[in-house]
Amino acid sequence: MTAPMPRSARPRRTVAMAAMAAMAAMTALSGCETPPLVERSLQAPPMLLLPVQQTALHDGRARFREIFCAVLQARAGTGCEQALVALADEPAAPARPVDLAPSRAGLQVLFVMGLASDCARNGDLVADEMLAPLAQQGYAARVLTMSGLAGSAENARRLRDALLEMPAADTAEPGRRVVLVAHSKGVVDSLEALVTHPEIRSRVAALVSLAGAVGGSPLANLAPDGLAHLLQEALGADCDPGDLQAFQSLKPAVRQRWLAENRLPPDVGYYSVVALPSPGRLSTGLRGPGHLLDRIDLRNDGNLLAQDQVIPQGTLLALVNADHWAVMTRMQASPKAAVRVLADRNDFPRPALVEAALRYVEERQFGASAQR
């Protein structure tokens, strides 16, 4: 009998191959014939969708639009109309000037990545695109690499450790606090860190959510037991497996129970950017999952429903015409050709979006005029 091949000697599949397999599975599930199990697992309770003015959210869309449009025009020489989604309930712009001088507030920016991001080396792509432009505007930034397959509790501990390891002079002094810019599951990990580890709150000024999985995703209900382990086996050394509880952490029942049982620290600012792409802006790799979510609500980004991307009692900054990947990561720069094929609707002015969010945070929490 032939001895089993040692794991270290097995051919390692690429991220692209795993992504293709996942896409094929989602596309099959989204076909015309929907198995009853899938229909039930996607079933959502009745939802009451209200205008922002009737919720506990602060509506920052009008002022953010002014800031973002000014930043985009200054940095790229283009307008912002195609990048932002305007709904009928968006207030009129306040028509205030936007100061685009480099920041002197000393804010530290820490990017917190999402599901399987380390497997695809998305942190490297974010660093390559974001850090230099932000540094030119006075923002010191870095990307935090955590386990893309670990549950939110484990990654919350990793985020805590990273914040406490940062020099106190860079975080605790007035005006030199950290702004977490988190994507997808990274928002879940960040919220759990702020609630579970109060020792980091004095170091964090704000959390900016880019398509955050705040309320979880119905797609997580479809993930079979052991899917995280299978992904880790397929992707090998590219992934830090952690406790392999990522999909469990993203189930809507888990997330919504957590939100009901935990009060977010009031001394941290919470800001939400919702990804809401038009039909032509959804990448090939997100169309299968997007079709599944369409059965609940057409307002989704290919991974998350729009209403699940909002941090309760925070500030809604914008609805952007970008899918779940495009809002954060320049996947078209991936060295893997298949990843570039899957992320074929990936162009979006991400550095301008993040700069505008930081300028909004400064203005609202620190007073922009005092910092420049």
Protein backbone atom coordinates (compact mmCIF):
# COMPACT_ATOMS: atom_id res chain seq x y z
CA MET A 1 0.00 0.00 0.00
CA THR A 2 1.34 3.45 -0.90
CA ALA A 3 2.10 5.63 2.11
CA PRO A 4 0.10 8.87 2.29
CA MET A 5 1.95 11.89 0.97
CA PRO A 6 3.16 14.15 3.80
CA ARG A 7 1.20 17.37 3.96
CA SER A 8 4.32 19.44 3.37
CA ALA A 9 4.92 17.57 0.11
CA ARG A 10 1.41 17.90 -1.26
CA PRO A 11 0.88 20.26 -4.18
CA ARG A 12 -0.52 23.48 -2.77
CA ARG A 13 -3.49 24.98 -4.54
CA THR A 14 -3.47 28.66 -5.23
CA VAL A 15 -5.76 31.32 -3.85
CA ALA A 16 -7.18 31.75 -7.32
CA MET A 17 -8.16 28.08 -7.57
CA ALA A 18 -9.95 28.22 -4.24
CA ALA A 19 -11.69 31.44 -5.24
CA MET A 20 -12.83 29.84 -8.49
CA ALA A 21 -14.19 26.84 -6.62
CA ALA A 22 -16.08 29.08 -4.22
CA MET A 23 -17.47 31.14 -7.08
CA ALA A 24 -18.60 28.01 -8.93
CA ALA A 25 -20.37 26.74 -5.84
CA MET A 26 -22.17 30.02 -5.31
CA THR A 27 -23.12 30.26 -8.96
CA ALA A 28 -24.58 26.76 -8.86
CA LEU A 29 -26.58 27.60 -5.76
CA SER A 30 -27.91 30.75 -7.39
CA GLY A 31 -29.36 28.90 -10.40
CA CYS A 32 -33.00 28.71 -11.32
CA GLU A 33 -33.63 25.54 -9.33
CA THR A 34 -33.10 26.53 -5.70
CA PRO A 35 -32.85 23.65 -3.21
CA PRO A 36 -35.25 24.05 -0.26
CA LEU A 37 -32.31 23.97 2.17
CA VAL A 38 -30.73 26.98 0.49
CA GLU A 39 -34.03 28.84 0.45
CA ARG A 40 -34.51 28.24 4.16
CA SER A 41 -30.95 29.10 5.09
CA LEU A 42 -31.27 32.45 3.32
CA GLN A 43 -34.65 33.19 4.85
CA ALA A 44 -34.59 36.45 6.80
CA PRO A 45 -37.11 37.87 9.26
CA PRO A 46 -39.29 40.73 8.00
CA MET A 47 -37.25 43.92 7.84
CA LEU A 48 -38.45 47.47 8.41
CA LEU A 49 -36.29 49.79 6.34
CA LEU A 50 -36.42 53.39 7.55
CA PRO A 51 -34.97 56.65 6.30
CA VAL A 52 -31.78 57.56 8.11
CA GLN A 53 -33.54 60.46 9.83
CA GLN A 54 -35.84 57.99 11.62
CA THR A 55 -33.01 55.91 13.07
CA ALA A 56 -30.42 56.54 15.77
CA LEU A 57 -27.79 57.14 13.08
CA HIS A 58 -26.18 60.50 12.49
CA ASP A 59 -26.52 61.31 8.79
CA GLY A 60 -23.13 62.51 7.59
CA ARG A 61 -23.71 61.92 3.88
CA ALA A 62 -24.08 65.54 2.79
CA ARG A 63 -20.90 66.81 4.43
CA PHE A 64 -18.96 63.68 3.50
CA ARG A 65 -19.99 64.18 -0.13
CA GLU A 66 -18.51 67.69 -0.03
CA ILE A 67 -15.25 66.44 1.47
CA PHE A 68 -14.93 63.40 -0.79
CA CYS A 69 -15.70 65.36 -3.95
CA ALA A 70 -13.12 68.01 -3.02
CA VAL A 71 -10.48 65.37 -2.26
CA LEU A 72 -11.15 63.44 -5.47
CA GLN A 73 -11.02 66.57 -7.61
CA ALA A 74 -7.75 67.66 -5.99
CA ARG A 75 -6.04 64.25 -6.15
CA ALA A 76 -7.35 62.83 -9.43
CA GLY A 77 -8.95 65.74 -11.24
CA THR A 78 -12.25 63.87 -11.57
CA GLY A 79 -15.78 64.30 -10.33
CA CYS A 80 -17.44 62.17 -7.67
CA GLU A 81 -20.87 61.59 -9.19
CA GLN A 82 -20.12 58.06 -10.40
CA ALA A 83 -18.52 56.98 -7.14
CA LEU A 84 -21.32 57.93 -4.73
CA VAL A 85 -24.91 56.69 -4.61
CA ALA A 86 -27.41 59.46 -3.91
CA LEU A 87 -30.77 58.47 -2.43
CA ALA A 88 -33.75 60.78 -2.22
CA ASP A 89 -33.43 61.19 1.55
CA GLU A 90 -29.87 62.57 1.45
CA PRO A 91 -29.87 66.09 2.94
CA ALA A 92 -28.70 69.11 1.02
CA ALA A 93 -24.98 69.86 1.25
CA PRO A 94 -24.02 72.39 3.94
CA ALA A 95 -21.86 74.28 1.40
CA ARG A 96 -18.88 74.71 3.70
CA PRO A 97 -15.30 74.97 2.47
CA VAL A 98 -13.04 71.90 2.66
CA ASP A 99 -9.51 72.36 3.98
CA LEU A 100 -7.20 70.11 1.99
CA ALA A 101 -3.94 71.10 3.68
CA PRO A 102 -1.92 68.19 5.10
CA SER A 103 -3.18 67.08 8.48
CA ARG A 104 -1.27 67.95 11.63
CA ALA A 105 -3.58 66.05 13.98
CA GLY A 106 -1.12 63.17 14.30
CA LEU A 107 -3.74 60.49 13.77
CA GLN A 108 -2.42 56.98 13.27
CA VAL A 109 -4.32 54.86 10.73
CA LEU A 110 -4.49 51.10 11.22
CA PHE A 111 -6.07 49.06 8.42
CA VAL A 112 -7.83 45.92 9.67
CA MET A 113 -8.46 43.36 6.94
CA GLY A 114 -11.31 40.90 6.46
CA LEU A 115 -12.12 37.27 5.68
CA ALA A 116 -9.25 35.26 4.16
CA SER A 117 -7.37 38.50 3.40
CA ASP A 118 -4.05 37.05 4.51
CA CYS A 119 -4.61 34.08 2.20
CA ALA A 120 -4.84 36.40 -0.81
CA ARG A 121 -2.16 38.79 0.51
CA ASN A 122 -4.70 41.61 0.31
CA GLY A 123 -2.88 43.51 3.03
CA ASP A 124 0.08 43.96 0.71
CA LEU A 125 -2.21 45.34 -1.99
CA VAL A 126 -3.77 47.81 0.46
CA ALA A 127 -0.36 48.91 1.70
CA ASP A 128 0.93 49.45 -1.84
CA GLU A 129 -2.06 51.59 -2.79
CA MET A 130 -2.90 53.46 0.40
CA LEU A 131 0.13 54.20 2.56
CA ALA A 132 2.07 56.61 0.37
CA PRO A 133 -0.90 58.86 -0.57
CA LEU A 134 -2.00 59.02 3.06
CA ALA A 135 1.52 59.86 4.23
CA GLN A 136 1.58 62.79 1.80
CA GLN A 137 -1.49 64.15 3.57
CA GLY A 138 -0.07 63.76 7.05
CA TYR A 139 -1.49 60.39 8.03
CA ALA A 140 0.87 57.67 9.25
CA ALA A 141 -0.69 54.34 8.31
CA ARG A 142 0.05 50.65 8.49
CA VAL A 143 -1.79 47.42 7.70
CA LEU A 144 -2.45 44.92 10.47
CA THR A 145 -2.24 41.31 9.34
CA MET A 146 -4.45 38.95 11.33
CA SER A 147 -5.86 35.51 10.66
CA GLY A 148 -8.40 35.69 7.86
CA LEU A 149 -9.91 32.38 9.02
CA ALA A 150 -10.03 32.98 12.79
CA GLY A 151 -13.16 33.86 14.71
CA SER A 152 -13.83 37.39 15.91
CA ALA A 153 -12.85 36.67 19.52
CA GLU A 154 -9.38 35.47 18.54
CA ASN A 155 -8.77 38.34 16.16
CA ALA A 156 -10.02 40.80 18.78
CA ARG A 157 -7.20 39.61 21.03
CA ARG A 158 -4.69 40.03 18.20
CA LEU A 159 -5.90 43.57 17.56
CA ARG A 160 -5.65 44.35 21.27
CA ASP A 161 -2.06 43.12 21.35
CA ALA A 162 -1.13 45.15 18.28
CA LEU A 163 -2.56 48.35 19.74
CA LEU A 164 -0.88 47.86 23.10
CA GLU A 165 2.45 47.22 21.38
CA MET A 166 2.33 50.56 19.61
CA PRO A 167 4.47 53.19 21.38
CA ALA A 168 2.39 55.12 23.89
CA ALA A 169 3.65 58.42 22.55
CA ASP A 170 2.02 57.61 19.23
CA THR A 171 -1.36 56.69 20.64
CA ALA A 172 -2.14 58.09 24.08
CA GLU A 173 -1.25 61.77 23.71
CA PRO A 174 -4.05 64.19 22.81
CA GLY A 175 -4.57 64.30 19.06
CA ARG A 176 -2.41 61.23 18.45
CA ARG A 177 -4.96 58.47 18.66
CA VAL A 178 -5.59 55.60 16.29
CA VAL A 179 -8.28 55.48 13.64
CA LEU A 180 -9.13 51.91 12.69
CA VAL A 181 -10.10 51.60 9.02
CA ALA A 182 -11.61 48.14 8.78
CA HIS A 183 -13.14 46.07 6.01
CA SER A 184 -15.76 43.32 6.08
CA LYS A 185 -15.06 40.90 8.95
CA GLY A 186 -12.30 43.23 10.14
CA VAL A 187 -15.08 45.51 11.39
CA VAL A 188 -16.57 42.65 13.42
CA ASP A 189 -13.13 41.90 14.90
CA SER A 190 -12.61 45.59 15.72
CA LEU A 191 -15.98 46.00 17.42
CA GLU A 192 -15.39 42.91 19.52
CA ALA A 193 -11.93 44.18 20.51
CA LEU A 194 -13.34 47.53 21.67
CA VAL A 195 -16.02 45.87 23.77
CA THR A 196 -13.99 42.98 25.19
CA HIS A 197 -10.71 44.79 25.83
CA PRO A 198 -11.43 48.17 27.47
CA GLU A 199 -7.70 48.83 27.92
CA ILE A 200 -7.43 49.79 24.23
CA ARG A 201 -10.24 52.35 24.16
CA SER A 202 -8.06 55.28 25.18
CA ARG A 203 -5.92 54.58 22.13
CA VAL A 204 -8.72 54.45 19.56
CA ALA A 205 -10.40 57.62 18.36
CA ALA A 206 -12.64 56.10 15.74
CA LEU A 207 -13.59 53.06 13.71
CA VAL A 208 -14.29 53.62 10.01
CA SER A 209 -16.16 50.68 8.49
CA LEU A 210 -15.80 49.96 4.78
CA ALA A 211 -18.50 47.44 3.85
CA GLY A 212 -18.36 46.05 7.37
CA ALA A 213 -20.05 42.74 8.19
CA VAL A 214 -21.68 44.33 11.24
CA GLY A 215 -24.86 42.27 11.09
CA GLY A 216 -23.22 39.22 9.54
CA SER A 217 -24.02 37.73 6.15
CA PRO A 218 -26.75 35.25 5.20
CA LEU A 219 -24.12 33.59 3.04
CA ALA A 220 -22.39 32.38 6.22
CA ASN A 221 -25.45 30.19 6.86
CA LEU A 222 -24.56 28.28 3.69
CA ALA A 223 -20.99 27.57 4.71
CA PRO A 224 -20.70 23.85 5.54
CA ASP A 225 -19.00 22.81 8.76
CA GLY A 226 -15.29 22.66 8.24
CA LEU A 227 -15.19 25.06 5.28
CA ALA A 228 -12.55 27.22 6.96
CA HIS A 229 -10.40 24.14 7.53
CA LEU A 230 -10.81 23.10 3.89
CA LEU A 231 -9.76 26.55 2.75
CA GLN A 232 -6.73 26.45 5.00
CA GLU A 233 -5.77 23.04 3.63
CA ALA A 234 -6.22 24.23 0.05
CA LEU A 235 -4.33 27.47 0.52
CA GLY A 236 -1.65 26.06 2.78
CA ALA A 237 1.04 28.38 4.04
CA ASP A 238 -0.71 31.44 2.59
CA CYS A 239 -3.25 31.29 5.43
CA ASP A 240 -2.93 31.68 9.18
CA PRO A 241 -5.74 29.32 10.26
CA GLY A 242 -6.22 30.61 13.79
CA ASP A 243 -9.17 28.82 15.39
CA LEU A 244 -10.99 28.43 12.01
CA GLN A 245 -14.16 30.06 13.39
CA ALA A 246 -14.46 32.85 10.80
CA PHE A 247 -17.68 31.65 9.19
CA GLN A 248 -19.31 30.99 12.56
CA SER A 249 -18.52 34.58 13.55
CA LEU A 250 -20.28 35.89 10.43
CA LYS A 251 -23.62 34.13 10.87
CA PRO A 252 -26.39 36.73 11.22
CA ALA A 253 -27.83 35.13 14.36
CA VAL A 254 -24.39 35.25 16.02
CA ARG A 255 -23.72 38.86 15.05
CA GLN A 256 -27.15 40.17 15.90
CA ARG A 257 -27.16 38.44 19.27
CA TRP A 258 -23.74 39.96 19.97
CA LEU A 259 -25.01 43.43 19.06
CA ALA A 260 -28.05 42.98 21.31
CA GLU A 261 -25.95 41.86 24.27
CA ASN A 262 -23.08 44.37 24.01
CA ARG A 263 -23.02 48.15 24.29
CA LEU A 264 -20.47 49.83 22.05
CA PRO A 265 -18.09 52.13 23.97
CA PRO A 266 -19.48 55.68 23.60
CA ASP A 267 -16.06 57.37 23.67
CA VAL A 268 -15.15 55.95 20.22
CA GLY A 269 -16.53 57.39 16.98
CA TYR A 270 -18.21 54.95 14.58
CA TYR A 271 -18.49 55.68 10.86
CA SER A 272 -20.00 53.49 8.13
CA VAL A 273 -19.40 53.43 4.38
CA VAL A 274 -21.91 51.12 2.69
CA ALA A 275 -21.00 49.37 -0.57
CA LEU A 276 -24.01 49.43 -2.89
CA PRO A 277 -22.91 48.74 -6.48
CA SER A 278 -25.06 49.24 -9.52
CA PRO A 279 -25.58 45.99 -11.50
CA GLY A 280 -22.71 46.73 -13.85
CA ARG A 281 -20.29 47.32 -11.00
CA LEU A 282 -20.38 43.79 -9.52
CA SER A 283 -17.27 41.71 -10.22
CA THR A 284 -17.59 38.27 -11.80
CA GLY A 285 -16.44 36.57 -8.59
CA LEU A 286 -19.25 38.20 -6.59
CA ARG A 287 -22.15 37.62 -8.97
CA GLY A 288 -23.04 34.15 -7.68
CA PRO A 289 -23.17 35.22 -4.02
CA GLY A 290 -24.89 38.44 -5.09
CA HIS A 291 -27.68 36.51 -6.83
CA LEU A 292 -28.28 34.56 -3.63
CA LEU A 293 -28.54 37.77 -1.62
CA ASP A 294 -30.86 39.25 -4.24
CA ARG A 295 -33.53 36.85 -2.96
CA ILE A 296 -33.54 38.74 0.32
CA ASP A 297 -32.76 42.26 -0.87
CA LEU A 298 -31.37 43.62 -4.13
CA ARG A 299 -29.44 46.14 -2.07
CA ASN A 300 -26.25 44.14 -1.52
CA ASP A 301 -22.57 44.30 -2.49
CA GLY A 302 -22.13 40.67 -3.49
CA ASN A 303 -21.30 39.53 0.05
CA LEU A 304 -23.38 41.65 2.43
CA LEU A 305 -26.82 43.22 2.56
CA ALA A 306 -26.67 47.00 2.72
CA GLN A 307 -28.48 47.23 6.06
CA ASP A 308 -26.00 44.81 7.65
CA GLN A 309 -23.07 47.14 6.85
CA VAL A 310 -24.09 49.92 9.26
CA ILE A 311 -22.72 50.28 12.80
CA PRO A 312 -25.67 51.08 15.10
CA GLN A 313 -25.86 54.59 16.55
CA GLY A 314 -22.85 55.73 14.55
CA THR A 315 -22.53 58.02 11.54
CA LEU A 316 -23.49 57.03 8.02
CA LEU A 317 -20.86 58.55 5.74
CA ALA A 318 -21.81 57.32 2.30
CA LEU A 319 -23.28 54.76 -0.03
CA VAL A 320 -20.66 54.03 -2.66
CA ASN A 321 -20.94 52.53 -6.13
CA ALA A 322 -18.46 49.74 -5.47
CA ASP A 323 -18.75 46.05 -4.74
CA HIS A 324 -17.51 44.29 -1.61
CA TRP A 325 -13.94 43.95 -2.90
CA ALA A 326 -13.56 47.25 -4.75
CA VAL A 327 -14.32 49.40 -1.72
CA MET A 328 -11.10 48.32 0.01
CA THR A 329 -8.63 46.37 -2.12
CA ARG A 330 -7.00 46.89 -5.50
CA MET A 331 -7.36 43.27 -6.49
CA GLN A 332 -6.59 44.13 -10.11
CA ALA A 333 -2.99 44.52 -8.91
CA SER A 334 -2.87 40.93 -7.62
CA PRO A 335 0.03 38.88 -9.03
CA LYS A 336 -2.44 36.03 -9.57
CA ALA A 337 -4.09 36.26 -12.99
CA ALA A 338 -7.20 34.34 -11.93
CA VAL A 339 -7.83 36.78 -9.06
CA ARG A 340 -7.68 39.63 -11.54
CA VAL A 341 -10.22 37.84 -13.72
CA LEU A 342 -12.63 37.40 -10.81
CA ALA A 343 -12.25 41.02 -9.65
CA ASP A 344 -13.02 42.58 -13.01
CA ARG A 345 -15.04 45.55 -11.66
CA ASN A 346 -12.41 46.69 -9.23
CA ASP A 347 -11.65 50.29 -10.15
CA PHE A 348 -12.62 52.77 -7.44
CA PRO A 349 -10.86 55.82 -5.89
CA ARG A 350 -10.04 54.07 -2.62
CA PRO A 351 -7.26 56.42 -1.38
CA ALA A 352 -9.54 59.43 -1.85
CA LEU A 353 -12.35 57.60 -0.02
CA VAL A 354 -10.15 56.85 2.99
CA GLU A 355 -8.62 60.35 3.05
CA ALA A 356 -12.10 61.88 2.97
CA ALA A 357 -13.23 59.63 5.84
CA LEU A 358 -10.21 60.66 7.93
CA ARG A 359 -10.83 64.34 7.23
CA TYR A 360 -14.46 63.88 8.26
CA VAL A 361 -13.37 62.22 11.52
CA GLU A 362 -10.94 65.06 12.22
CA GLU A 363 -13.56 67.69 11.56
CA ARG A 364 -16.23 66.03 13.67
CA GLN A 365 -14.13 64.84 16.60
CA PHE A 366 -11.13 67.16 16.74
CA GLY A 367 -12.07 70.31 14.86
CA ALA A 368 -10.23 70.46 11.55
CA SER A 369 -9.38 74.16 11.84
CA ALA A 370 -7.49 73.51 15.06
CA GLN A 371 -5.42 70.77 13.49
CA ARG A 372 -4.08 72.67 10.48
